[in-house]
Amino acid sequence: MSDSTSAVHLLKHHFRDMGQQSETSAFGMWVFLVTEIMFFGGLFAAYLIYRVLYFDSFAAASTSINVIWGTTNTAVLICSSLTMAMAVYSAQLGRKKALIGFLAVTMLLGTAFLCIKGKEYYDKFQEHHVPGPSYHFVVEPEMAQRFHAIDPQKTEIFFSLYFIMTGLHAIHMIVGLGLLAWLLIRSTRGEFGSMYYTPIELSGLYWHFVDIVWIWLYPLLYLIDRHH
């Protein structure tokens, strides 16, 4: 099926042309992303308020998180943003094989991110840092020298926000992987080309948004007062 024939076939009846259909879809995605910004914005605001109130406890709790895993995951997501952008570019040029390859690599990187995050969650579970009845935070002597106002109960607030924020981010990653899998299947069928690639483009916007959320989460959760 040629690009022009495919475009006519995929044009919905309530749109005048493919351009109008694409612009409308993009507008809907941006509206959705604005609601997501407000959603995560509330969580970031709650985090910052508690961080100001209980800075020493938050800093002590942050030092117990493995910054190497966090940094690795940041690099993984930045690479996935690049491959997703290349997937969109390939779709715009009608390069089917490149599109499939970049989508597959992006999915691989996203899966790697979730596996690393799962390892981090497992470590926190082993250390009894998951909020709940078994929660326990040990203040090491070195930690007590660096942060003078540590309250173990306040560290539980940090970990509550840590699991809520990273957990919601992980859910968004899983949704993104589902979208990419759907796009990959459609790409193998040759449903995208230079005349029609709106789903690829919009999914790319979503993926970049999820990556940006992590770029904010990483310093706020992993890098509190690490310079000492």
Foldseek 3Di string as FASTA:
>chain_A
DDLVVLLVVPDDPVDPHSVRVLVVLLVVLVVVVVVVCVVVVVLVVVLVVLCVVQVLQLLLLLQVQDLVLLVVLLVLLVVLLVLLVQLLVCLLAFNLVSNLVSLVSSLVSLVVSVVSVVVRVVVCVVVQLADDPSRDDDQDPVSCVVRVDHDSVSNNVSNVSVCVLVVVLNVLSVVLSVLSVVVSVCSVVVSTHSNDDSSSVSSSVSSVSSSVSSVVVSCSRNVRPPPD
